[in-house]
Protein backbone atom coordinates (compact mmCIF):
# COMPACT_ATOMS: atom_id res chain seq x y z
CA UNK A 1 3.69 23.87 0.17
CA UNK A 2 6.29 26.63 0.50
CA UNK A 3 4.13 29.05 2.46
CA UNK A 4 5.44 30.34 5.79
CA UNK A 5 9.11 30.72 6.74
CA UNK A 6 11.68 30.35 3.98
CA UNK A 7 13.47 27.04 4.23
CA UNK A 8 16.34 25.58 2.18
CA UNK A 9 15.28 24.04 -1.11
CA UNK A 10 16.99 20.80 -0.13
CA UNK A 11 14.41 20.22 2.63
CA UNK A 12 11.50 20.58 0.20
CA UNK A 13 13.24 18.32 -2.31
CA UNK A 14 13.80 15.69 0.37
CA UNK A 15 10.21 15.95 1.63
CA UNK A 16 8.86 15.46 -1.89
CA UNK A 17 11.15 12.46 -2.45
CA UNK A 18 9.81 10.54 0.57
CA UNK A 19 6.94 8.19 -0.23
CA UNK A 20 3.74 8.19 1.87
CA UNK A 21 4.15 6.01 4.94
CA UNK A 22 7.46 7.50 6.05
CA UNK A 23 9.60 4.34 5.69
CA UNK A 24 12.10 6.28 3.55
CA UNK A 25 12.91 8.61 6.45
CA UNK A 26 15.16 5.92 7.92
CA UNK A 27 17.47 6.30 4.91
CA UNK A 28 20.68 8.20 5.81
CA UNK A 29 20.10 10.46 2.79
CA UNK A 30 17.12 11.97 4.64
CA UNK A 31 18.85 12.46 8.01
CA UNK A 32 18.64 16.26 7.82
CA UNK A 33 14.94 16.18 6.95
CA UNK A 34 14.29 13.77 9.81
CA UNK A 35 16.04 16.11 12.29
CA UNK A 36 14.25 19.21 11.00
CA UNK A 37 10.84 17.53 11.18
CA UNK A 38 11.48 16.72 14.85
CA UNK A 39 12.60 20.28 15.61
CA UNK A 40 10.20 22.35 13.48
CA UNK A 41 6.43 21.84 14.10
CA UNK A 42 5.49 24.04 11.12
CA UNK A 43 7.64 21.98 8.77
CA UNK A 44 6.21 18.77 10.23
CA UNK A 45 2.66 20.02 9.61
CA UNK A 46 3.49 21.00 6.02
CA UNK A 47 5.14 17.62 5.48
CA UNK A 48 2.04 15.82 6.81
CA UNK A 49 -0.18 17.81 4.41
CA UNK A 50 2.05 16.89 1.50
CA UNK A 51 1.94 13.18 2.34
CA UNK A 52 -1.87 13.29 2.73
CA UNK A 53 -2.08 14.85 -0.72
CA UNK A 54 0.16 12.09 -2.11
CA UNK A 55 -2.10 9.44 -0.55
CA UNK A 56 -5.26 11.04 -1.99
CA UNK A 57 -3.72 11.20 -5.44
CA UNK A 58 -2.80 7.52 -5.13
CA UNK A 59 -6.34 6.61 -4.06
CA UNK A 60 -7.78 8.56 -7.01
CA UNK A 61 -5.88 6.29 -9.40
CA UNK A 62 -7.39 3.08 -7.99
CA UNK A 63 -9.67 1.32 -10.44
CA UNK A 64 -8.69 3.52 -13.43
CA UNK A 65 -8.44 1.52 -16.64
CA UNK A 66 -4.87 1.93 -17.96
CA UNK A 67 -4.08 2.58 -21.60
CA UNK A 68 -3.01 -0.37 -23.70
CA UNK A 69 0.74 -0.95 -23.59
CA UNK A 70 1.34 1.10 -20.46
CA UNK A 71 2.91 -1.79 -18.55
CA UNK A 72 5.37 -2.38 -21.43
CA UNK A 73 6.41 1.29 -21.46
CA UNK A 74 6.94 1.29 -17.68
CA UNK A 75 9.22 -1.73 -17.93
CA UNK A 76 11.16 -0.12 -20.79
CA UNK A 77 11.66 3.10 -18.82
CA UNK A 78 12.82 1.14 -15.78
CA UNK A 79 15.35 -0.73 -17.91
CA UNK A 80 16.64 2.56 -19.32
CA UNK A 81 16.95 4.09 -15.84
CA UNK A 82 18.82 1.07 -14.53
CA UNK A 83 21.20 1.12 -17.50
CA UNK A 84 21.88 4.84 -17.01
CA UNK A 85 22.59 4.23 -13.35
CA UNK A 86 25.07 1.45 -14.08
CA UNK A 87 26.90 3.58 -16.66
CA UNK A 88 27.12 6.69 -14.46
CA UNK A 89 30.78 7.48 -13.58
CA UNK A 90 31.70 7.30 -9.91
CA UNK A 91 32.53 11.00 -9.79
CA UNK A 92 28.98 11.88 -10.76
CA UNK A 93 27.71 10.60 -7.41
CA UNK A 94 30.64 11.13 -5.09
CA UNK A 95 29.98 14.85 -4.53
CA UNK A 96 32.69 17.44 -4.04
CA UNK A 97 35.39 14.91 -3.16
CA UNK A 98 35.84 13.85 -6.79
CA UNK A 99 36.27 17.46 -7.95
CA UNK A 100 38.76 18.30 -5.20
CA UNK A 101 41.01 15.40 -6.23
CA UNK A 102 41.47 16.67 -9.82
CA UNK A 103 45.00 17.94 -10.56
CA UNK A 104 45.56 21.66 -11.08
CA UNK A 105 45.83 22.03 -14.86
CA UNK A 106 46.65 25.71 -14.99
CA UNK A 107 44.86 28.74 -16.44
CA UNK A 108 44.82 27.55 -20.05
CA UNK A 109 43.35 24.15 -19.42
CA UNK A 110 39.69 25.06 -18.90
CA UNK A 111 38.68 23.66 -22.27
CA UNK A 112 40.37 20.35 -21.44
CA UNK A 113 38.97 19.96 -17.96
CA UNK A 114 35.94 17.95 -19.06
CA UNK A 115 32.32 18.55 -17.99
CA UNK A 116 31.55 21.33 -15.57
CA UNK A 117 31.08 19.95 -12.03
CA UNK A 118 27.43 19.72 -11.01
CA UNK A 119 26.05 22.10 -8.45
CA UNK A 120 25.30 20.96 -4.89
CA UNK A 121 21.59 20.99 -5.65
CA UNK A 122 22.09 18.80 -8.73
CA UNK A 123 24.20 16.36 -6.71
CA UNK A 124 21.54 16.16 -3.98
CA UNK A 125 18.93 15.35 -6.58
CA UNK A 126 21.20 12.66 -7.96
CA UNK A 127 21.65 11.13 -4.52
CA UNK A 128 17.89 11.13 -3.88
CA UNK A 129 17.31 9.61 -7.31
CA UNK A 130 19.86 6.86 -6.79
CA UNK A 131 18.69 6.03 -3.27
CA UNK A 132 15.13 5.73 -4.56
CA UNK A 133 15.80 3.61 -7.65
CA UNK A 134 15.32 0.33 -5.77
CA UNK A 135 12.13 1.54 -4.11
CA UNK A 136 10.86 2.93 -7.42
CA UNK A 137 11.54 -0.35 -9.17
CA UNK A 138 9.65 -2.27 -6.47
CA UNK A 139 6.70 0.12 -6.65
CA UNK A 140 6.67 -0.03 -10.44
CA UNK A 141 6.73 -3.83 -10.40
CA UNK A 142 3.64 -3.81 -8.21
CA UNK A 143 1.98 -1.34 -10.58
CA UNK A 144 2.83 -3.52 -13.57
CA UNK A 145 1.35 -6.57 -11.83
CA UNK A 146 -1.82 -4.57 -11.27
CA UNK A 147 -1.97 -3.41 -14.88
CA UNK A 148 -1.34 -6.83 -16.37
CA UNK A 149 -4.54 -8.12 -14.79
CA UNK A 150 -6.44 -6.01 -17.34
CA UNK A 151 -8.81 -4.52 -14.80
CA UNK A 152 -6.42 -2.39 -12.75
CA UNK A 153 -6.38 -5.03 -10.02
CA UNK A 154 -4.16 -7.92 -9.12
CA UNK A 155 -5.25 -11.48 -9.83
CA UNK A 156 -6.33 -13.04 -6.54
CA UNK A 157 -5.84 -16.52 -5.18
CA UNK A 158 -6.85 -18.11 -1.88
CA UNK A 159 -3.49 -17.62 -0.07
CA UNK A 160 -3.46 -13.92 -0.99
CA UNK A 161 -7.02 -13.55 0.28
CA UNK A 162 -6.10 -15.20 3.59
CA UNK A 163 -3.10 -12.95 4.18
CA UNK A 164 -5.01 -9.78 3.30
CA UNK A 165 -7.99 -10.74 5.46
CA UNK A 166 -5.86 -11.55 8.51
CA UNK A 167 -3.97 -8.27 8.14
CA UNK A 168 -7.23 -6.35 7.77
CA UNK A 169 -8.69 -8.07 10.84
CA UNK A 170 -5.70 -6.93 12.92
CA UNK A 171 -5.89 -3.37 11.58
CA UNK A 172 -9.63 -3.23 12.36
CA UNK A 173 -9.22 -4.12 16.03
CA UNK A 174 -9.88 -0.54 17.19
CA UNK A 175 -12.76 -0.09 14.74
CA UNK A 176 -14.65 -3.22 15.69
CA UNK A 177 -18.29 -2.53 16.54
CA UNK A 178 -18.18 1.16 15.60
CA UNK A 179 -20.32 0.82 12.50
CA UNK A 180 -24.07 1.02 11.95
CA UNK A 181 -26.43 -1.64 13.26
CA UNK A 182 -27.67 -3.93 10.52
CA UNK A 183 -31.09 -3.96 12.18
CA UNK A 184 -31.33 -0.15 12.02
CA UNK A 185 -29.59 0.78 8.76
CA UNK A 186 -29.72 -1.31 5.60
CA UNK A 187 -26.22 -2.14 4.30
CA UNK A 188 -25.27 -1.27 0.70
CA UNK A 189 -27.04 -3.49 -1.84
CA UNK A 190 -23.78 -4.22 -3.64
CA UNK A 191 -22.29 -5.80 -0.52
CA UNK A 192 -25.05 -7.63 1.38
CA UNK A 193 -24.26 -9.95 4.29
CA UNK A 194 -24.01 -13.64 3.53
CA UNK A 195 -27.14 -15.66 4.30
CA UNK A 196 -24.77 -18.42 5.44
CA UNK A 197 -23.55 -16.45 8.48
CA UNK A 198 -25.50 -15.62 11.64
CA UNK A 199 -25.14 -11.86 12.05
CA UNK A 200 -27.35 -11.20 15.08
CA UNK A 201 -26.25 -7.92 16.67
CA UNK A 202 -23.84 -7.14 13.83
CA UNK A 203 -22.75 -3.67 12.77
CA UNK A 204 -21.48 -2.75 9.32
CA UNK A 205 -18.94 -0.23 8.05
CA UNK A 206 -17.49 0.61 4.67
CA UNK A 207 -13.92 -0.18 3.66
CA UNK A 208 -12.33 1.93 0.97
CA UNK A 209 -9.84 -0.79 0.09
CA UNK A 210 -10.00 -4.48 0.89
CA UNK A 211 -7.97 -6.57 -1.55
CA UNK A 212 -7.76 -3.36 -3.57
CA UNK A 213 -11.55 -3.10 -3.79
CA UNK A 214 -14.41 -1.34 -2.09
CA UNK A 215 -15.97 -3.57 0.56
CA UNK A 216 -18.21 -3.74 3.62
CA UNK A 217 -17.15 -5.23 6.95
CA UNK A 218 -19.79 -6.82 9.20
CA UNK A 219 -18.59 -6.90 12.81
CA UNK A 220 -20.24 -9.70 14.79
CA UNK A 221 -19.89 -9.69 18.60
CA UNK A 222 -19.22 -13.09 20.16
CA UNK A 223 -19.78 -14.40 23.64
CA UNK A 224 -16.95 -13.79 26.07
CA UNK A 225 -15.75 -10.66 24.29
CA UNK A 226 -14.56 -12.37 21.14
CA UNK A 227 -14.96 -10.78 17.75
CA UNK A 228 -15.71 -11.93 14.22
CA UNK A 229 -15.80 -9.91 11.02
CA UNK A 230 -17.38 -10.88 7.73
CA UNK A 231 -15.84 -9.04 4.77
CA UNK A 232 -17.95 -8.68 1.63
CA UNK A 233 -16.54 -7.45 -1.66
CA UNK A 234 -16.92 -8.05 -5.38
CA UNK A 235 -14.11 -10.23 -6.66
CA UNK A 236 -13.56 -13.60 -8.29
CA UNK A 237 -11.14 -16.08 -6.73
CA UNK A 238 -10.67 -19.41 -8.54
CA UNK A 239 -11.05 -22.59 -6.54
CA UNK A 240 -13.13 -21.26 -3.64
CA UNK A 241 -16.23 -23.14 -2.43
CA UNK A 242 -19.67 -21.64 -2.96
CA UNK A 243 -20.51 -21.80 0.76
CA UNK A 244 -18.63 -21.70 4.07
CA UNK A 245 -16.42 -24.79 4.36
CA UNK A 246 -17.02 -27.09 7.37
CA UNK A 247 -13.36 -26.80 8.42
CA UNK A 248 -11.89 -23.29 8.50
CA UNK A 249 -8.28 -22.33 7.93
CA UNK A 250 -6.53 -21.80 11.28
CA UNK A 251 -3.59 -19.49 11.92
CA UNK A 252 -2.50 -19.09 15.53
CA UNK A 253 -5.51 -17.78 17.45
CA UNK A 254 -7.45 -16.94 14.29
CA UNK A 255 -9.91 -18.88 12.14
CA UNK A 256 -10.69 -17.89 8.59
CA UNK A 257 -12.92 -19.07 5.77
CA UNK A 258 -13.49 -17.67 2.28
CA UNK A 259 -16.14 -18.57 -0.27
CA UNK A 260 -17.53 -17.31 -3.57
CA UNK A 261 -21.24 -16.52 -3.88
CA UNK A 262 -21.70 -15.46 -7.48
CA UNK A 263 -19.93 -12.10 -7.97
CA UNK A 264 -19.49 -11.69 -4.21
CA UNK A 265 -16.44 -12.80 -2.25
CA UNK A 266 -17.01 -13.42 1.45
CA UNK A 267 -14.23 -13.81 4.01
CA UNK A 268 -15.05 -14.57 7.64
CA UNK A 269 -12.33 -14.05 10.26
CA UNK A 270 -12.70 -14.62 14.01
CA UNK A 271 -10.44 -14.78 17.04
CA UNK A 272 -12.03 -17.98 18.34
CA UNK A 273 -11.79 -21.73 17.84
CA UNK A 274 -13.11 -23.74 14.86
CA UNK A 275 -15.97 -24.88 17.11
CA UNK A 276 -17.16 -21.27 17.47
CA UNK A 277 -16.80 -20.83 13.70
CA UNK A 278 -19.08 -23.80 13.05
CA UNK A 279 -21.74 -22.31 15.33
CA UNK A 280 -21.49 -19.01 13.49
CA UNK A 281 -22.01 -20.33 9.95
CA UNK A 282 -24.83 -22.28 8.34
CA UNK A 283 -23.42 -25.64 7.29
CA UNK A 284 -25.24 -28.22 5.16
CA UNK A 285 -26.90 -30.95 7.21
CA UNK A 286 -26.21 -34.68 6.91
CA UNK A 287 -27.41 -36.37 3.76
CA UNK A 288 -30.28 -38.78 4.47
């Protein structure tokens, strides 16, 4: 990453400490990096490349079966790091101010002066480490939850599916209808459309991560400019019906329904009323 003009090491250290997504840049510890990114296009481009690399590395780890006991070791390391943080003397984090307040002990007192003060670079690393402990703990807790499932994925329930599907539907607003026509290109066999949903005029597109899994989204145009998307993935969610329910879950201007068809999980989201939902799905007729 350090090609091009020579820049202070502290900027590279700060850039490497920021997690993908950029939320950490609001931390006061990264104020200098934030200012330099705004003023230096070359640094901003290098920073963007670094974060893309971080994201690709993260994606490469998805679905990897962890070694037995890894979650226990992560929790143990976190406990050790937290204990070390709590036991760290105040002067270790306070920078040069602590050293400047020490009394002058004369020329013969070097051996009694205690540990050698840390360099500026060491102190900066300590500050970045301390400011990131909370974020690291949160990220590690998510990782542990993923590992405990035994398959590298979190255990799903219906509320989690609803939240994820509604979020995905909002994120997909600009991608709606940009996929391939179902009538012209056969969708992947692993993620077929549900026979219980009318998909006339639908287009499909791949999703790299829906509920942490590969999936296919079927975008279904509705009359009046409305939109509906059927998400198909392979997951098991306890308690779901085996077909679209007659009454969907409603949240604001959205309707949503999820059902389990063997190994396939289907989630249908639309920005229309429950009446439109019932016209879109195949519901069982009255018993005679």
